Amino acid sequence: MDNSDKNVLVVGGGIGGITAALELASCGIKVAMVESGPSIGGRMIQLDKTFPTLDCSTCTLSPKMVEVSLNHNIDLMSVSRITHMTRKGPGFLVGIKKNPRYVDAKKCTACGMCSEAC
């Protein structure tokens, strides 16, 4: 089945949103991901270990975060929020307010220089 004409909005960049976006993108579906914070990871990135296995949270989440950033089917909009949503035919029209990031995400190498400037 050709999914190239399908678009999905994922709200939130926690582990649930990340997993949903990656699964949809792997099926060839274009995903717009809206996250209110400056980066994805949600609460899980703040944890040391996860229940019940006590696995390292960062060890589990970091590869998924990298995969989101490298996936061409996922458009990540951080520091953004939904302003309105209206039904249109079988889908929805969604208004998204993108706040300035001051760093070009496509050029970011995660060197940390921008956080030093803040």
Foldseek 3Di string as FASTA:
>chain_A
DAQQPAEEEQEAQAPVSLVVCVVCVVVNYQYEYEAQAPAHHPCLVVDQADPDVRDGSCVVCVVSRVVQLPRPSYHYQYNKDWDDWDDDPPRIDTDMDGDDPVDDSVPDPVPCPVVVVD
